[in-house]
Amino acid sequence: MPDSRPYVILSAAMSVDGFLDDPSDERLILSGPADLDRVDAVRAECDAILVGAGTVRADDPRLVVGAVRAEHRTADGRPAQPVKVTLTSTGDLPAESRFFTFGPASKLVYAPSGAAAALADRLHGSTTVIDTGASVELPALLADLSDRGIGRLLVEGGGEVHTAFLTAGLADELQLVVAPLFVGAESAPRFAGPGRYRWDAGHRMRLAEVRQLDDVVLLRYLLGDDGD
């Protein structure tokens, strides 16, 4: 892993046919209590959690660590909650979303110059908005996070964000949970979209762990060149 960026973990739960959700207005529940507890433990080990603006709008996630693990973080001299991070190309982020309003975590938003100033005004100083210039580029975003002391970053989606990290070769680990169900709707969001990926038939990912959690299975892959 380059020193200029954090260790990046991608985390997602999907159906057997590769969907993150279905087309309905209600969130599709893919995993259960055992996997949610695992995710809480992974979050607690990370310095920051990143989701895309689409996930902030569609899912309204809280992105917090549970009370017990938050206390353990504090006892270790770390902030109780990981930093929340999102990126947007348009500035279309609802200020009332739980990303901004729930919990004491610091919040970072990366936005291009055309959206950054107005977004900072709308968020009323509750969030640090980083002007990225003409566009939001992942290498520069990761370098900035590293400069801010983020050594371990958990990326929780959505599909466009996962695709961007994977096609750019900027992920070190993939934690993929597969639920025993099909969605079967072409319009539903997928875990990953079309693109040029490093990992193909000639360059397979290294499977580091398989774990059953209730009725879902966790597949943990290491994506580094040497499997580390």
C-alpha atoms as a PDB file:
ATOM      1  CA  MET A   1       0.000   0.000   0.000  1.00  0.00           C
ATOM      2  CA  PRO A   2       1.399   3.424  -0.940  1.00  0.00           C
ATOM      3  CA  ASP A   3       2.209   5.746   1.966  1.00  0.00           C
ATOM      4  CA  SER A   4       0.159   8.474   0.293  1.00  0.00           C
ATOM      5  CA  ARG A   5      -3.183   6.820   0.945  1.00  0.00           C
ATOM      6  CA  PRO A   6      -5.017   4.850   3.634  1.00  0.00           C
ATOM      7  CA  TYR A   7      -5.557   1.101   3.614  1.00  0.00           C
ATOM      8  CA  VAL A   8      -8.892   0.815   1.785  1.00  0.00           C
ATOM      9  CA  ILE A   9     -11.517  -1.829   2.620  1.00  0.00           C
ATOM     10  CA  LEU A  10     -14.596  -2.161   0.401  1.00  0.00           C
ATOM     11  CA  SER A  11     -17.642  -3.564   2.185  1.00  0.00           C
ATOM     12  CA  ALA A  12     -20.927  -4.622   0.609  1.00  0.00           C
ATOM     13  CA  ALA A  13     -23.826  -7.043   0.954  1.00  0.00           C
ATOM     14  CA  MET A  14     -25.486  -8.300  -2.210  1.00  0.00           C
ATOM     15  CA  SER A  15     -27.984 -10.840  -3.487  1.00  0.00           C
ATOM     16  CA  VAL A  16     -26.847 -14.003  -5.241  1.00  0.00           C
ATOM     17  CA  ASP A  17     -27.406 -12.216  -8.567  1.00  0.00           C
ATOM     18  CA  GLY A  18     -25.238  -9.264  -7.547  1.00  0.00           C
ATOM     19  CA  PHE A  19     -27.702  -6.571  -6.477  1.00  0.00           C
ATOM     20  CA  LEU A  20     -27.323  -4.229  -3.497  1.00  0.00           C
ATOM     21  CA  ASP A  21     -31.036  -3.463  -3.279  1.00  0.00           C
ATOM     22  CA  ASP A  22     -34.301  -3.913  -5.143  1.00  0.00           C
ATOM     23  CA  PRO A  23     -36.251  -1.195  -7.007  1.00  0.00           C
ATOM     24  CA  SER A  24     -38.830  -0.670  -4.246  1.00  0.00           C
ATOM     25  CA  ASP A  25     -38.964   2.390  -2.007  1.00  0.00           C
ATOM     26  CA  GLU A  26     -38.087   0.305   1.062  1.00  0.00           C
ATOM     27  CA  ARG A  27     -34.520  -0.787   1.788  1.00  0.00           C
ATOM     28  CA  LEU A  28     -33.929  -4.473   1.040  1.00  0.00           C
ATOM     29  CA  ILE A  29     -32.579  -6.254   4.124  1.00  0.00           C
ATOM     30  CA  LEU A  30     -29.787  -8.548   2.963  1.00  0.00           C
ATOM     31  CA  SER A  31     -28.036  -9.581   6.184  1.00  0.00           C
ATOM     32  CA  GLY A  32     -28.944 -10.207   9.805  1.00  0.00           C
ATOM     33  CA  PRO A  33     -27.745  -9.484  13.337  1.00  0.00           C
ATOM     34  CA  ALA A  34     -24.531 -11.522  13.157  1.00  0.00           C
ATOM     35  CA  ASP A  35     -23.299  -9.731  10.053  1.00  0.00           C
ATOM     36  CA  LEU A  36     -24.366  -6.327  11.363  1.00  0.00           C
ATOM     37  CA  ASP A  37     -22.283  -6.966  14.474  1.00  0.00           C
ATOM     38  CA  ARG A  38     -19.337  -7.932  12.254  1.00  0.00           C
ATOM     39  CA  VAL A  39     -19.704  -4.696  10.287  1.00  0.00           C
ATOM     40  CA  ASP A  40     -19.805  -2.746  13.545  1.00  0.00           C
ATOM     41  CA  ALA A  41     -16.502  -4.379  14.552  1.00  0.00           C
ATOM     42  CA  VAL A  42     -14.929  -3.527  11.189  1.00  0.00           C
ATOM     43  CA  ARG A  43     -16.114   0.079  11.466  1.00  0.00           C
ATOM     44  CA  ALA A  44     -14.617   0.313  14.945  1.00  0.00           C
ATOM     45  CA  GLU A  45     -11.216  -0.674  13.545  1.00  0.00           C
ATOM     46  CA  CYS A  46     -11.274   2.065  10.900  1.00  0.00           C
ATOM     47  CA  ASP A  47     -10.457   5.760  11.078  1.00  0.00           C
ATOM     48  CA  ALA A  48     -13.108   6.812   8.559  1.00  0.00           C
ATOM     49  CA  ILE A  49     -16.153   5.493   6.685  1.00  0.00           C
ATOM     50  CA  LEU A  50     -16.891   6.648   3.133  1.00  0.00           C
ATOM     51  CA  VAL A  51     -20.109   6.439   1.115  1.00  0.00           C
ATOM     52  CA  GLY A  52     -21.163   8.148  -2.085  1.00  0.00           C
ATOM     53  CA  ALA A  53     -23.684  10.958  -2.253  1.00  0.00           C
ATOM     54  CA  GLY A  54     -26.231   8.586  -3.804  1.00  0.00           C
ATOM     55  CA  THR A  55     -26.047   6.364  -0.730  1.00  0.00           C
ATOM     56  CA  VAL A  56     -26.517   9.379   1.548  1.00  0.00           C
ATOM     57  CA  ARG A  57     -29.656  10.328  -0.399  1.00  0.00           C
ATOM     58  CA  ALA A  58     -31.133   6.860  -0.914  1.00  0.00           C
ATOM     59  CA  ASP A  59     -30.268   5.046   2.325  1.00  0.00           C
ATOM     60  CA  ASP A  60     -29.823   7.889   4.846  1.00  0.00           C
ATOM     61  CA  PRO A  61     -27.133   5.902   6.733  1.00  0.00           C
ATOM     62  CA  ARG A  62     -25.982   6.842  10.232  1.00  0.00           C
ATOM     63  CA  LEU A  63     -22.466   5.389   9.760  1.00  0.00           C
ATOM     64  CA  VAL A  64     -21.747   5.013  13.450  1.00  0.00           C
ATOM     65  CA  VAL A  65     -20.101   2.481  15.758  1.00  0.00           C
ATOM     66  CA  GLY A  66     -22.209   0.951  18.530  1.00  0.00           C
ATOM     67  CA  ALA A  67     -21.926   2.276  22.073  1.00  0.00           C
ATOM     68  CA  VAL A  68     -19.730  -0.525  23.469  1.00  0.00           C
ATOM     69  CA  ARG A  69     -17.132  -0.356  20.711  1.00  0.00           C
ATOM     70  CA  ALA A  70     -17.275   3.453  20.770  1.00  0.00           C
ATOM     71  CA  GLU A  71     -16.268   3.300  24.449  1.00  0.00           C
ATOM     72  CA  HIS A  72     -13.409   0.969  23.562  1.00  0.00           C
ATOM     73  CA  ARG A  73     -12.219   3.438  20.917  1.00  0.00           C
ATOM     74  CA  THR A  74     -12.258   6.240  23.479  1.00  0.00           C
ATOM     75  CA  ALA A  75     -10.368   4.101  25.981  1.00  0.00           C
ATOM     76  CA  ASP A  76      -7.712   3.552  23.304  1.00  0.00           C
ATOM     77  CA  GLY A  77      -7.315   7.306  22.871  1.00  0.00           C
ATOM     78  CA  ARG A  78      -9.216   7.464  19.592  1.00  0.00           C
ATOM     79  CA  PRO A  79     -12.349   9.464  18.751  1.00  0.00           C
ATOM     80  CA  ALA A  80     -15.510   7.618  19.738  1.00  0.00           C
ATOM     81  CA  GLN A  81     -16.677   7.553  16.123  1.00  0.00           C
ATOM     82  CA  PRO A  82     -14.844   7.226  12.803  1.00  0.00           C
ATOM     83  CA  VAL A  83     -14.851  10.253  10.533  1.00  0.00           C
ATOM     84  CA  LYS A  84     -17.716  10.272   8.016  1.00  0.00           C
ATOM     85  CA  VAL A  85     -16.709  10.955   4.416  1.00  0.00           C
ATOM     86  CA  THR A  86     -18.700  11.461   1.239  1.00  0.00           C
ATOM     87  CA  LEU A  87     -18.045  12.793  -2.248  1.00  0.00           C
ATOM     88  CA  THR A  88     -20.357  14.566  -4.646  1.00  0.00           C
ATOM     89  CA  SER A  89     -20.073  16.013  -8.132  1.00  0.00           C
ATOM     90  CA  THR A  90     -23.214  18.176  -7.874  1.00  0.00           C
ATOM     91  CA  GLY A  91     -23.505  19.177  -4.205  1.00  0.00           C
ATOM     92  CA  ASP A  92     -26.897  17.465  -4.003  1.00  0.00           C
ATOM     93  CA  LEU A  93     -26.700  16.386  -0.369  1.00  0.00           C
ATOM     94  CA  PRO A  94     -29.610  16.873   2.074  1.00  0.00           C
ATOM     95  CA  ALA A  95     -28.380  18.756   5.136  1.00  0.00           C
ATOM     96  CA  GLU A  96     -31.001  16.990   7.249  1.00  0.00           C
ATOM     97  CA  SER A  97     -29.674  13.510   6.457  1.00  0.00           C
ATOM     98  CA  ARG A  98     -28.332  11.410   9.315  1.00  0.00           C
ATOM     99  CA  PHE A  99     -24.870  11.510   7.741  1.00  0.00           C
ATOM    100  CA  PHE A 100     -24.716  15.113   8.982  1.00  0.00           C
ATOM    101  CA  THR A 101     -27.060  15.130  11.979  1.00  0.00           C
ATOM    102  CA  PHE A 102     -26.541  11.819  13.790  1.00  0.00           C
ATOM    103  CA  GLY A 103     -23.687  11.381  16.242  1.00  0.00           C
ATOM    104  CA  PRO A 104     -20.551  13.358  17.127  1.00  0.00           C
ATOM    105  CA  ALA A 105     -18.287  12.203  14.267  1.00  0.00           C
ATOM    106  CA  SER A 106     -16.389  14.716  12.164  1.00  0.00           C
ATOM    107  CA  LYS A 107     -17.724  14.989   8.615  1.00  0.00           C
ATOM    108  CA  LEU A 108     -15.811  15.545   5.376  1.00  0.00           C
ATOM    109  CA  VAL A 109     -17.373  16.252   1.981  1.00  0.00           C
ATOM    110  CA  TYR A 110     -15.301  16.342  -1.208  1.00  0.00           C
ATOM    111  CA  ALA A 111     -16.864  18.444  -3.960  1.00  0.00           C
ATOM    112  CA  PRO A 112     -15.684  20.246  -7.117  1.00  0.00           C
ATOM    113  CA  SER A 113     -15.336  24.019  -7.201  1.00  0.00           C
ATOM    114  CA  GLY A 114     -18.709  24.471  -8.865  1.00  0.00           C
ATOM    115  CA  ALA A 115     -20.511  22.967  -5.880  1.00  0.00           C
ATOM    116  CA  ALA A 116     -18.201  23.334  -2.874  1.00  0.00           C
ATOM    117  CA  ALA A 117     -18.893  26.934  -1.805  1.00  0.00           C
ATOM    118  CA  ALA A 118     -22.674  26.665  -1.947  1.00  0.00           C
ATOM    119  CA  LEU A 119     -22.560  23.318  -0.173  1.00  0.00           C
ATOM    120  CA  ALA A 120     -20.410  24.714   2.639  1.00  0.00           C
ATOM    121  CA  ASP A 121     -22.893  27.583   3.117  1.00  0.00           C
ATOM    122  CA  ARG A 122     -25.839  25.180   3.193  1.00  0.00           C
ATOM    123  CA  LEU A 123     -24.210  22.920   5.791  1.00  0.00           C
ATOM    124  CA  HIS A 124     -23.664  25.895   8.117  1.00  0.00           C
ATOM    125  CA  GLY A 125     -20.169  24.963   9.251  1.00  0.00           C
ATOM    126  CA  SER A 126     -21.162  21.548  10.637  1.00  0.00           C
ATOM    127  CA  THR A 127     -19.034  19.810   8.026  1.00  0.00           C
ATOM    128  CA  THR A 128     -15.654  20.387   6.415  1.00  0.00           C
ATOM    129  CA  VAL A 129     -16.155  20.787   2.669  1.00  0.00           C
ATOM    130  CA  ILE A 130     -13.020  20.224   0.586  1.00  0.00           C
ATOM    131  CA  ASP A 131     -12.882  22.001  -2.779  1.00  0.00           C
ATOM    132  CA  THR A 132     -11.309  19.490  -5.177  1.00  0.00           C
ATOM    133  CA  GLY A 133     -10.999  21.799  -8.171  1.00  0.00           C
ATOM    134  CA  ALA A 134     -12.462  20.743 -11.507  1.00  0.00           C
ATOM    135  CA  SER A 135     -13.580  17.299 -10.316  1.00  0.00           C
ATOM    136  CA  VAL A 136     -13.322  14.807  -7.473  1.00  0.00           C
ATOM    137  CA  GLU A 137     -10.426  12.428  -8.146  1.00  0.00           C
ATOM    138  CA  LEU A 138      -9.988   9.405  -5.877  1.00  0.00           C
ATOM    139  CA  PRO A 139      -6.158   9.464  -5.655  1.00  0.00           C
ATOM    140  CA  ALA A 140      -6.217  13.093  -4.503  1.00  0.00           C
ATOM    141  CA  LEU A 141      -9.083  12.368  -2.091  1.00  0.00           C
ATOM    142  CA  LEU A 142      -7.165   9.479  -0.534  1.00  0.00           C
ATOM    143  CA  ALA A 143      -3.980  11.530  -0.297  1.00  0.00           C
ATOM    144  CA  ASP A 144      -5.911  14.264   1.520  1.00  0.00           C
ATOM    145  CA  LEU A 145      -7.410  11.730   3.931  1.00  0.00           C
ATOM    146  CA  SER A 146      -3.930  10.412   4.631  1.00  0.00           C
ATOM    147  CA  ASP A 147      -2.754  13.950   5.387  1.00  0.00           C
ATOM    148  CA  ARG A 148      -5.639  14.221   7.865  1.00  0.00           C
ATOM    149  CA  GLY A 149      -4.436  11.144   9.752  1.00  0.00           C
ATOM    150  CA  ILE A 150      -6.754   8.557   8.197  1.00  0.00           C
ATOM    151  CA  GLY A 151      -4.814   5.310   8.025  1.00  0.00           C
ATOM    152  CA  ARG A 152      -7.672   2.859   7.514  1.00  0.00           C
ATOM    153  CA  LEU A 153     -10.733   3.674   5.376  1.00  0.00           C
ATOM    154  CA  LEU A 154     -13.927   1.635   5.104  1.00  0.00           C
ATOM    155  CA  VAL A 155     -15.885   2.197   1.872  1.00  0.00           C
ATOM    156  CA  GLU A 156     -19.544   1.152   2.153  1.00  0.00           C
ATOM    157  CA  GLY A 157     -20.848   2.011  -1.312  1.00  0.00           C
ATOM    158  CA  GLY A 158     -22.802   2.419  -3.336  1.00  0.00           C
ATOM    159  CA  GLY A 159     -22.181   0.561  -6.563  1.00  0.00           C
ATOM    160  CA  GLU A 160     -20.715   3.503  -8.485  1.00  0.00           C
ATOM    161  CA  VAL A 161     -18.260   4.182  -5.683  1.00  0.00           C
ATOM    162  CA  HIS A 162     -17.238   0.520  -5.420  1.00  0.00           C
ATOM    163  CA  THR A 163     -16.744   0.418  -9.184  1.00  0.00           C
ATOM    164  CA  ALA A 164     -14.637   3.577  -9.124  1.00  0.00           C
ATOM    165  CA  PHE A 165     -12.321   2.281  -6.394  1.00  0.00           C
ATOM    166  CA  LEU A 166     -11.948  -1.141  -8.011  1.00  0.00           C
ATOM    167  CA  THR A 167     -11.362   0.043 -11.561  1.00  0.00           C
ATOM    168  CA  ALA A 168      -8.814   2.570 -10.285  1.00  0.00           C
ATOM    169  CA  GLY A 169      -6.965  -0.174  -8.396  1.00  0.00           C
ATOM    170  CA  LEU A 170      -7.373   1.751  -5.136  1.00  0.00           C
ATOM    171  CA  ALA A 171      -8.761  -1.009  -2.911  1.00  0.00           C
ATOM    172  CA  ASP A 172      -6.703  -3.292  -0.681  1.00  0.00           C
ATOM    173  CA  GLU A 173      -9.429  -5.573   0.630  1.00  0.00           C
ATOM    174  CA  LEU A 174     -12.947  -6.576  -0.362  1.00  0.00           C
ATOM    175  CA  GLN A 175     -15.446  -7.833   2.214  1.00  0.00           C
ATOM    176  CA  LEU A 176     -18.425  -9.152   0.274  1.00  0.00           C
ATOM    177  CA  VAL A 177     -21.483 -10.672   1.937  1.00  0.00           C
ATOM    178  CA  VAL A 178     -23.771 -12.803  -0.235  1.00  0.00           C
ATOM    179  CA  ALA A 179     -27.411 -13.257   0.797  1.00  0.00           C
ATOM    180  CA  PRO A 180     -29.413 -16.346  -0.255  1.00  0.00           C
ATOM    181  CA  LEU A 181     -31.916 -14.532  -2.446  1.00  0.00           C
ATOM    182  CA  PHE A 182     -32.379 -13.166  -5.946  1.00  0.00           C
ATOM    183  CA  VAL A 183     -33.523  -9.656  -6.898  1.00  0.00           C
ATOM    184  CA  GLY A 184     -33.878 -10.195 -10.638  1.00  0.00           C
ATOM    185  CA  ALA A 185     -34.674  -6.563 -11.502  1.00  0.00           C
ATOM    186  CA  GLU A 186     -32.593  -4.937 -14.213  1.00  0.00           C
ATOM    187  CA  SER A 187     -33.170  -1.467 -12.751  1.00  0.00           C
ATOM    188  CA  ALA A 188     -31.893  -2.398  -9.282  1.00  0.00           C
ATOM    189  CA  PRO A 189     -28.449  -1.153  -8.175  1.00  0.00           C
ATOM    190  CA  ARG A 190     -25.572  -3.589  -8.652  1.00  0.00           C
ATOM    191  CA  PHE A 191     -22.519  -4.099  -6.480  1.00  0.00           C
ATOM    192  CA  ALA A 192     -20.181  -3.271  -9.389  1.00  0.00           C
ATOM    193  CA  GLY A 193     -20.723  -1.994 -12.908  1.00  0.00           C
ATOM    194  CA  PRO A 194     -18.920  -2.303 -16.232  1.00  0.00           C
ATOM    195  CA  GLY A 195     -15.287  -1.260 -16.289  1.00  0.00           C
ATOM    196  CA  ARG A 196     -11.692  -2.349 -16.718  1.00  0.00           C
ATOM    197  CA  TYR A 197     -10.682  -4.281 -13.608  1.00  0.00           C
ATOM    198  CA  ARG A 198      -7.221  -5.464 -12.542  1.00  0.00           C
ATOM    199  CA  TRP A 199      -8.643  -8.762 -11.358  1.00  0.00           C
ATOM    200  CA  ASP A 200      -9.674 -11.011 -14.233  1.00  0.00           C
ATOM    201  CA  ALA A 201      -9.226 -14.611 -15.332  1.00  0.00           C
ATOM    202  CA  GLY A 202      -5.478 -14.134 -15.404  1.00  0.00           C
ATOM    203  CA  HIS A 203      -5.211 -12.106 -12.178  1.00  0.00           C
ATOM    204  CA  ARG A 204      -7.527 -13.590  -9.594  1.00  0.00           C
ATOM    205  CA  MET A 205      -8.175 -12.057  -6.195  1.00  0.00           C
ATOM    206  CA  ARG A 206      -6.799 -13.912  -3.183  1.00  0.00           C
ATOM    207  CA  LEU A 207      -9.523 -15.429  -0.999  1.00  0.00           C
ATOM    208  CA  ALA A 208      -8.451 -14.843   2.605  1.00  0.00           C
ATOM    209  CA  GLU A 209     -11.565 -15.889   4.527  1.00  0.00           C
ATOM    210  CA  VAL A 210     -14.964 -17.539   4.184  1.00  0.00           C
ATOM    211  CA  ARG A 211     -17.370 -17.241   7.099  1.00  0.00           C
ATOM    212  CA  GLN A 212     -21.028 -18.160   7.574  1.00  0.00           C
ATOM    213  CA  LEU A 213     -23.076 -15.597   9.494  1.00  0.00           C
ATOM    214  CA  ASP A 214     -26.643 -16.831  10.012  1.00  0.00           C
ATOM    215  CA  ASP A 215     -27.856 -17.475   6.449  1.00  0.00           C
ATOM    216  CA  VAL A 216     -25.334 -15.234   4.636  1.00  0.00           C
ATOM    217  CA  VAL A 217     -21.706 -15.884   3.777  1.00  0.00           C
ATOM    218  CA  LEU A 218     -18.782 -13.472   4.057  1.00  0.00           C
ATOM    219  CA  LEU A 219     -16.112 -13.647   1.362  1.00  0.00           C
ATOM    220  CA  ARG A 220     -13.006 -11.640   2.243  1.00  0.00           C
ATOM    221  CA  TYR A 221     -10.543 -11.025  -0.577  1.00  0.00           C
ATOM    222  CA  LEU A 222      -7.096  -9.411  -0.473  1.00  0.00           C
ATOM    223  CA  LEU A 223      -6.439  -7.294  -3.540  1.00  0.00           C
ATOM    224  CA  GLY A 224      -2.769  -6.350  -3.240  1.00  0.00           C
ATOM    225  CA  ASP A 225      -0.264  -7.580  -5.818  1.00  0.00           C
ATOM    226  CA  ASP A 226       1.338  -9.881  -3.252  1.00  0.00           C
ATOM    227  CA  GLY A 227      -1.883 -10.736  -1.441  1.00  0.00           C
ATOM    228  CA  ASP A 228      -0.959  -8.615   1.604  1.00  0.00           C
END
